[in-house]
Amino acid sequence: MDFTEIQGVIGWVIGLLSTSVIAIGIGIFNIIRSGKMIPRETRGADLVNNGKEVDVARAWKGLAAETARETLEVNKRLKDLEDKTEVQEDTIKKLELRIEEQDCLIAKQAIRIDEQDRTIEVLETKLTESETYNKELIAQMQKEKITPKSRTKGKYNGTSV
């Protein structure tokens, strides 16, 4: 249930409460007016009618009290929802800050990865150039009949150094 629906419910409850209070007021006014207008000799019959009217007024009063209790309950629920909403908003703000921090870290990592990719490219280029140079040097040494030392096993993948 969102806030506008809660406001609508509160509006209906307040409208019902005010209608009940007005009806009770009109009922009490009519009871008083009726008591003044009735002749004194019919007073006994009127007492029965007044008792019924008082019962009706009490019933209206009970309805008004129940409506007031419901209104208070709705207000309490609304306050609880507002409190929960504030907590959720705080949590969302904290999460947004955390996401911003993570985005910053990701951007820094992306920059670091780019730097490492460039370093790898440079090293691969140097390795290729070195291999080419070594092949040319060995070929030149063989042409001059110079024998290089024998190759020894390297620590990477059992390859020769």
Protein backbone atom coordinates (compact mmCIF):
# COMPACT_ATOMS: atom_id res chain seq x y z
CA MET A 1 0.00 0.00 0.00
CA ASP A 2 1.58 3.30 -0.99
CA PHE A 3 1.33 6.66 0.74
CA THR A 4 -1.48 8.07 -1.48
CA GLU A 5 -3.67 5.05 -0.76
CA ILE A 6 -3.07 5.49 2.95
CA GLN A 7 -3.99 9.16 2.65
CA GLY A 8 -7.18 8.14 0.84
CA VAL A 9 -8.08 5.69 3.60
CA ILE A 10 -7.40 8.32 6.25
CA GLY A 11 -9.57 10.78 4.32
CA TRP A 12 -12.44 8.29 4.24
CA VAL A 13 -12.06 7.52 7.94
CA ILE A 14 -12.00 11.21 8.84
CA GLY A 15 -15.02 11.82 6.60
CA LEU A 16 -16.91 8.96 8.25
CA LEU A 17 -15.95 10.23 11.70
CA SER A 18 -17.05 13.78 10.95
CA THR A 19 -20.34 12.52 9.44
CA SER A 20 -20.92 10.46 12.57
CA VAL A 21 -20.23 13.43 14.84
CA ILE A 22 -22.59 15.62 12.79
CA ALA A 23 -25.29 12.95 12.90
CA ILE A 24 -24.90 12.63 16.67
CA GLY A 25 -25.11 16.41 17.03
CA ILE A 26 -28.26 16.56 14.88
CA GLY A 27 -29.75 13.66 16.83
CA ILE A 28 -29.07 15.37 20.15
CA PHE A 29 -30.45 18.64 18.81
CA ASN A 30 -33.62 16.87 17.64
CA ILE A 31 -34.00 15.16 21.00
CA ILE A 32 -33.76 18.49 22.81
CA ARG A 33 -36.14 20.19 20.38
CA SER A 34 -38.64 17.36 20.59
CA GLY A 35 -38.59 17.51 24.38
CA LYS A 36 -39.52 21.20 24.36
CA MET A 37 -42.30 20.87 21.79
CA ILE A 38 -44.22 17.97 23.31
CA PRO A 39 -47.05 18.86 25.70
CA ARG A 40 -46.64 17.80 29.31
CA GLU A 41 -49.48 15.30 29.39
CA THR A 42 -47.81 13.08 26.75
CA ARG A 43 -44.62 13.17 28.73
CA GLY A 44 -44.85 9.48 29.77
CA ALA A 45 -45.06 8.25 26.18
CA ASP A 46 -42.34 10.63 25.25
CA LEU A 47 -40.05 9.19 27.91
CA VAL A 48 -40.18 5.83 26.09
CA ASN A 49 -39.44 7.56 22.79
CA ASN A 50 -36.67 9.58 24.41
CA GLY A 51 -35.21 6.39 25.80
CA LYS A 52 -35.16 4.96 22.29
CA GLU A 53 -33.59 8.12 20.97
CA VAL A 54 -31.00 7.99 23.73
CA ASP A 55 -30.29 4.39 22.75
CA VAL A 56 -29.86 5.52 19.14
CA ALA A 57 -27.62 8.37 20.30
CA ARG A 58 -25.58 5.91 22.36
CA ALA A 59 -25.30 3.65 19.33
CA TRP A 60 -24.10 6.63 17.26
CA LYS A 61 -21.68 7.54 20.01
CA GLY A 62 -20.38 3.96 20.02
CA LEU A 63 -19.95 4.10 16.26
CA ALA A 64 -18.12 7.41 16.57
CA ALA A 65 -15.85 5.96 19.26
CA GLU A 66 -15.15 2.90 17.11
CA THR A 67 -14.43 5.11 14.12
CA ALA A 68 -12.07 7.19 16.25
CA ARG A 69 -10.26 4.03 17.40
CA GLU A 70 -9.96 2.87 13.79
CA THR A 71 -8.64 6.30 12.82
CA LEU A 72 -6.04 6.13 15.56
CA GLU A 73 -5.07 2.63 14.44
CA VAL A 74 -4.75 3.79 10.84
CA ASN A 75 -2.63 6.74 12.00
CA LYS A 76 -0.40 4.36 13.95
CA ARG A 77 -0.01 2.14 10.90
CA LEU A 78 0.75 5.19 8.79
CA LYS A 79 3.44 6.29 11.27
CA ASP A 80 4.93 2.78 11.23
CA LEU A 81 4.98 2.83 7.42
CA GLU A 82 6.61 6.27 7.41
CA ASP A 83 9.28 5.00 9.84
CA LYS A 84 9.91 1.96 7.66
CA THR A 85 10.09 4.20 4.59
CA GLU A 86 12.70 6.40 6.28
CA VAL A 87 14.76 3.32 7.18
CA GLN A 88 14.49 2.05 3.61
CA GLU A 89 15.50 5.45 2.23
CA ASP A 90 18.55 5.47 4.49
CA THR A 91 19.43 1.95 3.36
CA ILE A 92 19.02 2.96 -0.29
CA LYS A 93 21.30 5.97 0.23
CA LYS A 94 23.94 3.74 1.83
CA LEU A 95 23.64 1.26 -1.03
CA GLU A 96 23.97 4.06 -3.57
CA LEU A 97 27.17 5.22 -1.88
CA ARG A 98 28.48 1.63 -1.85
CA ILE A 99 27.66 1.26 -5.55
CA GLU A 100 29.50 4.52 -6.31
CA GLU A 101 32.53 3.23 -4.39
CA GLN A 102 32.41 -0.06 -6.28
CA ASP A 103 32.07 1.77 -9.60
CA CYS A 104 35.18 3.78 -8.70
CA LEU A 105 37.07 0.59 -7.83
CA ILE A 106 35.95 -1.06 -11.07
CA ALA A 107 37.13 1.98 -13.04
CA LYS A 108 40.52 1.83 -11.29
CA GLN A 109 40.75 -1.90 -12.00
CA ALA A 110 39.89 -1.31 -15.65
CA ILE A 111 42.70 1.25 -15.87
CA ARG A 112 45.11 -1.22 -14.19
CA ILE A 113 44.07 -3.99 -16.60
CA ASP A 114 44.66 -1.67 -19.56
CA GLU A 115 48.11 -0.84 -18.21
CA GLN A 116 48.89 -4.54 -17.74
CA ASP A 117 47.64 -5.31 -21.27
CA ARG A 118 49.99 -2.65 -22.63
CA THR A 119 52.88 -4.07 -20.57
CA ILE A 120 52.12 -7.58 -21.90
CA GLU A 121 52.08 -6.27 -25.46
CA VAL A 122 55.45 -4.55 -24.94
CA LEU A 123 56.94 -7.70 -23.37
CA GLU A 124 55.58 -9.91 -26.18
CA THR A 125 57.08 -7.55 -28.74
CA LYS A 126 60.44 -7.58 -26.93
CA LEU A 127 60.32 -11.39 -26.67
CA THR A 128 59.58 -11.73 -30.36
CA GLU A 129 62.38 -9.33 -31.22
CA SER A 130 64.74 -11.20 -28.87
CA GLU A 131 63.84 -14.58 -30.41
CA THR A 132 64.39 -13.18 -33.89
CA TYR A 133 67.71 -11.70 -32.83
CA ASN A 134 68.79 -14.98 -31.17
CA LYS A 135 67.92 -16.99 -34.29
CA GLU A 136 69.85 -14.58 -36.46
CA LEU A 137 72.78 -14.62 -34.03
CA ILE A 138 72.84 -18.45 -33.92
CA ALA A 139 72.65 -18.59 -37.70
CA GLN A 140 75.53 -16.11 -37.94
CA MET A 141 77.57 -18.11 -35.38
CA GLN A 142 76.96 -21.34 -37.27
CA LYS A 143 78.00 -19.64 -40.47
CA GLU A 144 81.24 -18.62 -38.79
CA LYS A 145 81.56 -22.14 -37.39
CA ILE A 146 81.31 -20.98 -33.79
CA THR A 147 79.49 -23.44 -31.57
CA PRO A 148 77.46 -21.97 -28.73
CA LYS A 149 77.23 -23.67 -25.38
CA SER A 150 74.58 -26.35 -25.14
CA ARG A 151 71.16 -25.31 -24.03
CA THR A 152 70.07 -25.88 -20.45
CA LYS A 153 66.53 -26.59 -19.29
CA GLY A 154 64.62 -23.52 -18.09
CA LYS A 155 62.22 -23.37 -15.20
CA TYR A 156 59.20 -22.49 -17.38
CA ASN A 157 57.42 -25.44 -18.99
CA GLY A 158 60.65 -27.44 -19.35
CA THR A 159 61.72 -25.22 -22.22
CA SER A 160 65.32 -24.42 -22.99
CA VAL A 161 66.71 -21.06 -22.09
